[in-house]
C-alpha atoms as a PDB file:
ATOM      1  CA  MET A   1      67.508  44.758  89.450  1.00  0.00           C
ATOM      2  CA  LYS A   2      64.274  46.218  88.070  1.00  0.00           C
ATOM      3  CA  THR A   3      62.395  48.258  90.667  1.00  0.00           C
ATOM      4  CA  ALA A   4      58.779  49.427  90.883  1.00  0.00           C
ATOM      5  CA  VAL A   5      57.417  52.251  93.032  1.00  0.00           C
ATOM      6  CA  ILE A   6      53.650  52.063  93.485  1.00  0.00           C
ATOM      7  CA  THR A   7      51.344  54.305  95.520  1.00  0.00           C
ATOM      8  CA  GLY A   8      48.046  53.220  97.021  1.00  0.00           C
ATOM      9  CA  VAL A   9      49.042  49.584  97.552  1.00  0.00           C
ATOM     10  CA  SER A  10      46.772  48.836 100.507  1.00  0.00           C
ATOM     11  CA  ARG A  11      43.981  47.632  98.199  1.00  0.00           C
ATOM     12  CA  GLY A  12      42.432  47.860  94.746  1.00  0.00           C
ATOM     13  CA  LEU A  13      44.424  48.576  91.610  1.00  0.00           C
ATOM     14  CA  GLY A  14      47.625  49.434  93.467  1.00  0.00           C
ATOM     15  CA  GLU A  15      47.614  46.110  95.278  1.00  0.00           C
ATOM     16  CA  ALA A  16      46.845  44.211  92.063  1.00  0.00           C
ATOM     17  CA  VAL A  17      49.707  45.782  90.109  1.00  0.00           C
ATOM     18  CA  ALA A  18      52.148  45.403  93.000  1.00  0.00           C
ATOM     19  CA  GLU A  19      51.304  41.705  93.193  1.00  0.00           C
ATOM     20  CA  LEU A  20      51.983  41.224  89.477  1.00  0.00           C
ATOM     21  CA  PHE A  21      55.356  42.940  89.711  1.00  0.00           C
ATOM     22  CA  LEU A  22      56.332  40.809  92.707  1.00  0.00           C
ATOM     23  CA  GLU A  23      55.308  37.643  90.875  1.00  0.00           C
ATOM     24  CA  SER A  24      57.605  38.646  88.022  1.00  0.00           C
ATOM     25  CA  GLY A  25      60.575  39.112  90.354  1.00  0.00           C
ATOM     26  CA  VAL A  26      60.614  42.917  90.403  1.00  0.00           C
ATOM     27  CA  TYR A  27      61.695  44.703  93.596  1.00  0.00           C
ATOM     28  CA  VAL A  28      58.604  46.620  94.764  1.00  0.00           C
ATOM     29  CA  ILE A  29      58.409  49.711  96.956  1.00  0.00           C
ATOM     30  CA  GLY A  30      54.822  50.285  98.055  1.00  0.00           C
ATOM     31  CA  ILE A  31      53.633  53.618  99.412  1.00  0.00           C
ATOM     32  CA  SER A  32      50.366  53.905 101.332  1.00  0.00           C
ATOM     33  CA  ARG A  33      49.055  54.904 104.722  1.00  0.00           C
ATOM     34  CA  ASN A  34      48.245  51.312 105.654  1.00  0.00           C
ATOM     35  CA  ALA A  35      50.418  48.220 105.275  1.00  0.00           C
ATOM     36  CA  ASN A  36      49.345  45.210 103.209  1.00  0.00           C
ATOM     37  CA  SER A  37      50.367  41.852 104.678  1.00  0.00           C
ATOM     38  CA  HIS A  38      49.165  40.059 101.540  1.00  0.00           C
ATOM     39  CA  LEU A  39      51.943  41.683  99.519  1.00  0.00           C
ATOM     40  CA  ASP A  40      54.489  40.546 102.103  1.00  0.00           C
ATOM     41  CA  GLU A  41      53.245  36.990 101.564  1.00  0.00           C
ATOM     42  CA  VAL A  42      53.365  37.309  97.768  1.00  0.00           C
ATOM     43  CA  ALA A  43      56.963  38.521  97.983  1.00  0.00           C
ATOM     44  CA  LYS A  44      57.973  35.533 100.116  1.00  0.00           C
ATOM     45  CA  GLU A  45      56.210  33.067  97.821  1.00  0.00           C
ATOM     46  CA  ASN A  46      58.018  34.447  94.778  1.00  0.00           C
ATOM     47  CA  ASN A  47      61.406  35.092  96.381  1.00  0.00           C
ATOM     48  CA  SER A  48      60.949  38.795  95.623  1.00  0.00           C
ATOM     49  CA  THR A  49      61.511  41.869  97.760  1.00  0.00           C
ATOM     50  CA  TYR A  50      58.715  44.115  98.988  1.00  0.00           C
ATOM     51  CA  LYS A  51      59.299  47.268 100.987  1.00  0.00           C
ATOM     52  CA  HIS A  52      56.386  49.240 102.408  1.00  0.00           C
ATOM     53  CA  LEU A  53      56.705  52.920 103.243  1.00  0.00           C
ATOM     54  CA  ALA A  54      53.862  54.339 105.316  1.00  0.00           C
ATOM     55  CA  CYS A  55      52.938  57.806 104.095  1.00  0.00           C
ATOM     56  CA  ASN A  56      49.987  60.163 104.077  1.00  0.00           C
ATOM     57  CA  LEU A  57      50.293  61.745 100.637  1.00  0.00           C
ATOM     58  CA  GLY A  58      48.155  64.625 101.868  1.00  0.00           C
ATOM     59  CA  ASN A  59      51.103  65.734 104.005  1.00  0.00           C
ATOM     60  CA  GLN A  60      53.825  67.312 101.879  1.00  0.00           C
ATOM     61  CA  GLN A  61      56.574  66.939 104.479  1.00  0.00           C
ATOM     62  CA  ALA A  62      55.728  63.265 104.956  1.00  0.00           C
ATOM     63  CA  LEU A  63      55.917  62.832 101.191  1.00  0.00           C
ATOM     64  CA  GLU A  64      59.331  64.491 101.003  1.00  0.00           C
ATOM     65  CA  ASN A  65      60.633  62.243 103.790  1.00  0.00           C
ATOM     66  CA  THR A  66      59.263  59.157 102.061  1.00  0.00           C
ATOM     67  CA  LEU A  67      60.919  60.107  98.794  1.00  0.00           C
ATOM     68  CA  GLU A  68      64.268  60.244 100.577  1.00  0.00           C
ATOM     69  CA  SER A  69      63.766  56.615 101.593  1.00  0.00           C
ATOM     70  CA  VAL A  70      62.726  55.699  98.052  1.00  0.00           C
ATOM     71  CA  LYS A  71      65.859  57.365  96.732  1.00  0.00           C
ATOM     72  CA  GLN A  72      68.116  55.237  98.928  1.00  0.00           C
ATOM     73  CA  TYR A  73      66.420  51.997  97.902  1.00  0.00           C
ATOM     74  CA  VAL A  74      66.714  52.898  94.220  1.00  0.00           C
ATOM     75  CA  ILE A  75      70.369  53.952  94.488  1.00  0.00           C
ATOM     76  CA  ASN A  76      71.193  50.670  96.220  1.00  0.00           C
ATOM     77  CA  ASN A  77      69.348  48.618  93.578  1.00  0.00           C
ATOM     78  CA  GLU A  78      70.828  50.380  90.531  1.00  0.00           C
ATOM     79  CA  PRO A  79      67.816  49.259  88.447  1.00  0.00           C
ATOM     80  CA  SER A  80      68.005  49.003  84.669  1.00  0.00           C
ATOM     81  CA  ILE A  81      64.331  49.988  84.605  1.00  0.00           C
ATOM     82  CA  LEU A  82      62.496  51.991  87.250  1.00  0.00           C
ATOM     83  CA  TYR A  83      58.709  51.665  87.114  1.00  0.00           C
ATOM     84  CA  LEU A  84      56.357  54.145  88.765  1.00  0.00           C
ATOM     85  CA  VAL A  85      52.606  53.788  89.219  1.00  0.00           C
ATOM     86  CA  ASN A  86      50.998  56.911  90.678  1.00  0.00           C
ATOM     87  CA  ASN A  87      47.769  55.202  91.683  1.00  0.00           C
ATOM     88  CA  ALA A  88      46.720  56.715  95.021  1.00  0.00           C
ATOM     89  CA  ALA A  89      43.811  59.149  94.830  1.00  0.00           C
ATOM     90  CA  VAL A  90      40.770  60.384  96.734  1.00  0.00           C
ATOM     91  CA  ILE A  91      37.260  61.139  95.470  1.00  0.00           C
ATOM     92  CA  ASP A  92      36.105  63.328  98.380  1.00  0.00           C
ATOM     93  CA  PRO A  93      34.826  65.999  98.565  1.00  0.00           C
ATOM     94  CA  ILE A  94      31.758  65.120  96.495  1.00  0.00           C
ATOM     95  CA  ASP A  95      29.416  68.106  96.514  1.00  0.00           C
ATOM     96  CA  GLN A  96      28.379  71.220  94.657  1.00  0.00           C
ATOM     97  CA  SER A  97      31.419  73.448  94.287  1.00  0.00           C
ATOM     98  CA  MET A  98      29.960  76.225  96.429  1.00  0.00           C
ATOM     99  CA  ASN A  99      29.565  73.816  99.347  1.00  0.00           C
ATOM    100  CA  ILE A 100      33.098  72.417  99.352  1.00  0.00           C
ATOM    101  CA  ASP A 101      35.228  73.124 102.411  1.00  0.00           C
ATOM    102  CA  SER A 102      38.511  74.806 101.489  1.00  0.00           C
ATOM    103  CA  LYS A 103      40.625  72.501 103.668  1.00  0.00           C
ATOM    104  CA  ALA A 104      39.066  69.428 102.064  1.00  0.00           C
ATOM    105  CA  LEU A 105      39.785  70.897  98.645  1.00  0.00           C
ATOM    106  CA  VAL A 106      43.434  71.593  99.477  1.00  0.00           C
ATOM    107  CA  THR A 107      43.908  68.016 100.703  1.00  0.00           C
ATOM    108  CA  HIS A 108      42.234  66.655  97.578  1.00  0.00           C
ATOM    109  CA  VAL A 109      44.521  68.610  95.260  1.00  0.00           C
ATOM    110  CA  GLN A 110      47.576  67.627  97.308  1.00  0.00           C
ATOM    111  CA  VAL A 111      46.798  63.898  97.031  1.00  0.00           C
ATOM    112  CA  ASN A 112      45.495  63.803  93.462  1.00  0.00           C
ATOM    113  CA  THR A 113      47.724  66.329  91.706  1.00  0.00           C
ATOM    114  CA  VAL A 114      50.623  67.644  93.777  1.00  0.00           C
ATOM    115  CA  ALA A 115      51.784  64.290  95.182  1.00  0.00           C
ATOM    116  CA  PRO A 116      51.905  62.398  91.867  1.00  0.00           C
ATOM    117  CA  MET A 117      53.653  65.323  90.189  1.00  0.00           C
ATOM    118  CA  VAL A 118      56.235  65.573  92.963  1.00  0.00           C
ATOM    119  CA  ILE A 119      56.840  61.817  92.907  1.00  0.00           C
ATOM    120  CA  MET A 120      57.171  61.687  89.122  1.00  0.00           C
ATOM    121  CA  ASN A 121      59.478  64.716  89.046  1.00  0.00           C
ATOM    122  CA  SER A 122      61.666  63.211  91.747  1.00  0.00           C
ATOM    123  CA  LEU A 123      61.944  59.800  90.089  1.00  0.00           C
ATOM    124  CA  LEU A 124      62.619  61.272  86.655  1.00  0.00           C
ATOM    125  CA  LYS A 125      65.615  63.070  88.106  1.00  0.00           C
ATOM    126  CA  LEU A 126      66.696  60.041  90.125  1.00  0.00           C
ATOM    127  CA  ALA A 127      66.415  57.661  87.168  1.00  0.00           C
ATOM    128  CA  THR A 128      68.576  59.992  85.120  1.00  0.00           C
ATOM    129  CA  GLU A 129      71.196  60.189  87.875  1.00  0.00           C
ATOM    130  CA  VAL A 130      71.453  56.396  88.285  1.00  0.00           C
ATOM    131  CA  LYS A 131      71.308  55.829  84.508  1.00  0.00           C
ATOM    132  CA  SER A 132      68.021  53.952  84.694  1.00  0.00           C
ATOM    133  CA  THR A 133      65.052  54.130  82.319  1.00  0.00           C
ATOM    134  CA  LEU A 134      61.846  55.363  83.936  1.00  0.00           C
ATOM    135  CA  ILE A 135      58.506  53.918  82.875  1.00  0.00           C
ATOM    136  CA  GLY A 136      55.950  56.088  84.659  1.00  0.00           C
ATOM    137  CA  VAL A 137      52.175  55.812  84.876  1.00  0.00           C
ATOM    138  CA  ASN A 138      49.725  58.339  86.237  1.00  0.00           C
ATOM    139  CA  VAL A 139      46.346  56.732  86.896  1.00  0.00           C
ATOM    140  CA  SER A 140      43.720  58.986  85.376  1.00  0.00           C
ATOM    141  CA  SER A 141      39.947  58.734  84.975  1.00  0.00           C
ATOM    142  CA  GLY A 142      37.157  59.263  82.491  1.00  0.00           C
ATOM    143  CA  ALA A 143      36.241  62.154  84.791  1.00  0.00           C
ATOM    144  CA  ALA A 144      39.252  63.988  83.364  1.00  0.00           C
ATOM    145  CA  GLU A 145      37.438  64.316  80.056  1.00  0.00           C
ATOM    146  CA  ARG A 146      33.908  65.387  81.019  1.00  0.00           C
ATOM    147  CA  PRO A 147      32.322  67.551  83.710  1.00  0.00           C
ATOM    148  CA  ILE A 148      30.412  65.613  86.366  1.00  0.00           C
ATOM    149  CA  TYR A 149      28.019  67.298  88.783  1.00  0.00           C
ATOM    150  CA  GLY A 150      29.489  67.172  92.283  1.00  0.00           C
ATOM    151  CA  TRP A 151      32.942  66.153  91.110  1.00  0.00           C
ATOM    152  CA  SER A 152      34.512  69.546  90.403  1.00  0.00           C
ATOM    153  CA  ALA A 153      37.596  68.652  92.449  1.00  0.00           C
ATOM    154  CA  TYR A 154      38.043  65.142  91.046  1.00  0.00           C
ATOM    155  CA  CYS A 155      37.415  66.101  87.415  1.00  0.00           C
ATOM    156  CA  SER A 156      39.826  69.014  87.697  1.00  0.00           C
ATOM    157  CA  THR A 157      42.669  67.107  89.346  1.00  0.00           C
ATOM    158  CA  LYS A 158      42.437  64.184  86.942  1.00  0.00           C
ATOM    159  CA  ALA A 159      42.358  66.553  83.958  1.00  0.00           C
ATOM    160  CA  SER A 160      45.461  68.267  85.301  1.00  0.00           C
ATOM    161  CA  ILE A 161      47.224  64.903  85.611  1.00  0.00           C
ATOM    162  CA  ASN A 162      46.517  64.147  81.956  1.00  0.00           C
ATOM    163  CA  MET A 163      48.042  67.439  80.817  1.00  0.00           C
ATOM    164  CA  TYR A 164      50.974  66.992  83.178  1.00  0.00           C
ATOM    165  CA  THR A 165      51.612  63.544  81.689  1.00  0.00           C
ATOM    166  CA  GLN A 166      51.590  64.876  78.145  1.00  0.00           C
ATOM    167  CA  THR A 167      53.871  67.774  79.049  1.00  0.00           C
ATOM    168  CA  VAL A 168      56.429  65.574  80.783  1.00  0.00           C
ATOM    169  CA  ALA A 169      56.396  63.150  77.850  1.00  0.00           C
ATOM    170  CA  LEU A 170      57.043  66.063  75.491  1.00  0.00           C
ATOM    171  CA  GLU A 171      60.020  67.193  77.566  1.00  0.00           C
ATOM    172  CA  GLN A 172      61.534  63.718  77.752  1.00  0.00           C
ATOM    173  CA  ALA A 173      61.125  63.153  74.013  1.00  0.00           C
ATOM    174  CA  GLU A 174      62.777  66.497  73.250  1.00  0.00           C
ATOM    175  CA  ARG A 175      65.711  65.631  75.508  1.00  0.00           C
ATOM    176  CA  LYS A 176      65.877  62.035  74.207  1.00  0.00           C
ATOM    177  CA  THR A 177      66.197  60.621  77.728  1.00  0.00           C
ATOM    178  CA  GLY A 178      64.492  57.316  76.967  1.00  0.00           C
ATOM    179  CA  HIS A 179      62.089  57.861  79.872  1.00  0.00           C
ATOM    180  CA  LYS A 180      58.434  57.204  79.044  1.00  0.00           C
ATOM    181  CA  VAL A 181      55.397  58.565  80.876  1.00  0.00           C
ATOM    182  CA  ILE A 182      51.761  57.651  80.217  1.00  0.00           C
ATOM    183  CA  ALA A 183      48.346  58.066  81.808  1.00  0.00           C
ATOM    184  CA  PHE A 184      45.955  55.162  82.293  1.00  0.00           C
ATOM    185  CA  SER A 185      42.184  55.400  82.686  1.00  0.00           C
ATOM    186  CA  PRO A 186      41.007  52.256  84.534  1.00  0.00           C
ATOM    187  CA  GLY A 187      37.278  52.756  84.121  1.00  0.00           C
ATOM    188  CA  VAL A 188      34.806  51.911  86.877  1.00  0.00           C
ATOM    189  CA  MET A 189      36.208  49.267  89.231  1.00  0.00           C
ATOM    190  CA  ASP A 190      34.726  47.477  92.218  1.00  0.00           C
ATOM    191  CA  THR A 191      36.727  49.344  94.862  1.00  0.00           C
ATOM    192  CA  ASN A 192      36.274  51.307  98.082  1.00  0.00           C
ATOM    193  CA  MET A 193      36.148  54.501  96.037  1.00  0.00           C
ATOM    194  CA  GLN A 194      33.006  53.230  94.328  1.00  0.00           C
ATOM    195  CA  GLU A 195      31.459  52.548  97.731  1.00  0.00           C
ATOM    196  CA  LYS A 196      32.033  56.174  98.697  1.00  0.00           C
ATOM    197  CA  ILE A 197      30.505  57.332  95.430  1.00  0.00           C
ATOM    198  CA  ARG A 198      27.371  55.220  95.967  1.00  0.00           C
ATOM    199  CA  SER A 199      26.965  56.602  99.491  1.00  0.00           C
ATOM    200  CA  SER A 200      26.667  60.178  98.186  1.00  0.00           C
ATOM    201  CA  SER A 201      23.382  62.051  98.384  1.00  0.00           C
ATOM    202  CA  ARG A 202      21.616  62.912  95.153  1.00  0.00           C
ATOM    203  CA  GLU A 203      21.859  66.597  96.071  1.00  0.00           C
ATOM    204  CA  ALA A 204      25.641  66.329  96.127  1.00  0.00           C
ATOM    205  CA  PHE A 205      25.987  63.912  93.193  1.00  0.00           C
ATOM    206  CA  VAL A 206      23.115  63.713  90.704  1.00  0.00           C
ATOM    207  CA  GLU A 207      24.496  60.592  88.977  1.00  0.00           C
ATOM    208  CA  VAL A 208      24.500  58.502  92.161  1.00  0.00           C
ATOM    209  CA  ASP A 209      21.723  56.195  90.913  1.00  0.00           C
ATOM    210  CA  THR A 210      23.722  55.452  87.768  1.00  0.00           C
ATOM    211  CA  PHE A 211      26.687  54.354  89.840  1.00  0.00           C
ATOM    212  CA  LYS A 212      24.477  52.254  92.100  1.00  0.00           C
ATOM    213  CA  ASN A 213      23.212  50.532  88.966  1.00  0.00           C
ATOM    214  CA  TYR A 214      26.794  49.756  87.902  1.00  0.00           C
ATOM    215  CA  LYS A 215      27.145  47.702  91.092  1.00  0.00           C
ATOM    216  CA  GLU A 216      23.712  46.085  90.939  1.00  0.00           C
ATOM    217  CA  SER A 217      24.196  45.127  87.278  1.00  0.00           C
ATOM    218  CA  ASN A 218      27.733  43.778  87.825  1.00  0.00           C
ATOM    219  CA  LEU A 219      29.205  46.392  85.496  1.00  0.00           C
ATOM    220  CA  LEU A 220      32.146  47.200  87.763  1.00  0.00           C
ATOM    221  CA  ARG A 221      35.419  45.654  86.623  1.00  0.00           C
ATOM    222  CA  ASP A 222      37.521  43.609  88.994  1.00  0.00           C
ATOM    223  CA  ALA A 223      40.684  45.454  90.062  1.00  0.00           C
ATOM    224  CA  ASN A 224      42.799  42.394  89.276  1.00  0.00           C
ATOM    225  CA  SER A 225      41.679  42.240  85.648  1.00  0.00           C
ATOM    226  CA  VAL A 226      42.345  45.954  85.215  1.00  0.00           C
ATOM    227  CA  GLY A 227      45.705  45.507  86.913  1.00  0.00           C
ATOM    228  CA  ASN A 228      46.630  42.841  84.383  1.00  0.00           C
ATOM    229  CA  VAL A 229      45.928  45.257  81.538  1.00  0.00           C
ATOM    230  CA  LEU A 230      48.068  48.009  83.053  1.00  0.00           C
ATOM    231  CA  PHE A 231      50.871  45.578  83.876  1.00  0.00           C
ATOM    232  CA  ASP A 232      50.984  44.284  80.296  1.00  0.00           C
ATOM    233  CA  ILE A 233      51.051  47.841  78.936  1.00  0.00           C
ATOM    234  CA  MET A 234      53.951  48.833  81.186  1.00  0.00           C
ATOM    235  CA  ARG A 235      56.030  45.734  80.517  1.00  0.00           C
ATOM    236  CA  ASP A 236      55.908  46.262  76.757  1.00  0.00           C
ATOM    237  CA  GLU A 237      58.442  49.077  77.109  1.00  0.00           C
ATOM    238  CA  VAL A 238      59.518  49.115  73.451  1.00  0.00           C
ATOM    239  CA  ASN A 239      56.010  49.716  72.099  1.00  0.00           C
ATOM    240  CA  LEU A 240      54.864  52.002  74.916  1.00  0.00           C
ATOM    241  CA  LYS A 241      53.735  55.358  73.485  1.00  0.00           C
ATOM    242  CA  SER A 242      54.956  58.071  75.818  1.00  0.00           C
ATOM    243  CA  GLY A 243      52.375  60.782  76.435  1.00  0.00           C
ATOM    244  CA  LYS A 244      49.443  58.576  75.492  1.00  0.00           C
ATOM    245  CA  ILE A 245      46.363  58.355  77.696  1.00  0.00           C
ATOM    246  CA  TYR A 246      45.622  54.636  77.657  1.00  0.00           C
ATOM    247  CA  ASN A 247      42.057  53.489  78.367  1.00  0.00           C
ATOM    248  CA  VAL A 248      41.127  50.094  79.776  1.00  0.00           C
ATOM    249  CA  LYS A 249      38.058  50.056  77.512  1.00  0.00           C
ATOM    250  CA  ASP A 250      40.348  49.435  74.548  1.00  0.00           C
ATOM    251  CA  TYR A 251      41.416  46.105  76.062  1.00  0.00           C
ATOM    252  CA  PHE A 252      38.038  44.529  76.864  1.00  0.00           C
END
């Protein structure tokens, strides 16, 4: 049975991709702090299985405990293909670097960089042990490729995820494991993260008016349409280019 592990399933892109996997009959393990009853309903409607694991990815011990549960589900399923979507992320703190609280920074790096790396590392090893093929995605951002005033934490963590993705892909290709790992830049979507961005002060984030205009001009993409793009990319396993940083802009 094919199995998908997806983080950040309570809303937005994570929810959209989880729904598509469930509709296609894939066993889905969703990881997020809050449950999503809609995904339970989708699973029932499609005779699929959805398991939710509550976890604060900012807590390393909680993450380790959650991964133990994931491991048991995967071992029991013996999937031919194991999908992973590292989608969960935070945008805060948004501010000039010199004003950022150290605790907020540590939490940001834990959620945006450490957690997805730990999850990917764990599932790469697990997939190898159960003789499954891993198709892994790290959700990136255009912020990984350019400096943005007030986003020193976010730009840095997303850039690190891109390099991590490319490094892991290099290792897997060298070892000829068959596992494939990519990054995916979803562009600007109409999500809660965008609401937080628009609520920033201009002193903390000089481009705030630009992002407000995205909303006012209906330039924000719907999470479901972006989810469809990512889903199609992942399901075309044969043509998937491991190590590539895919961009949603190439599909619209």
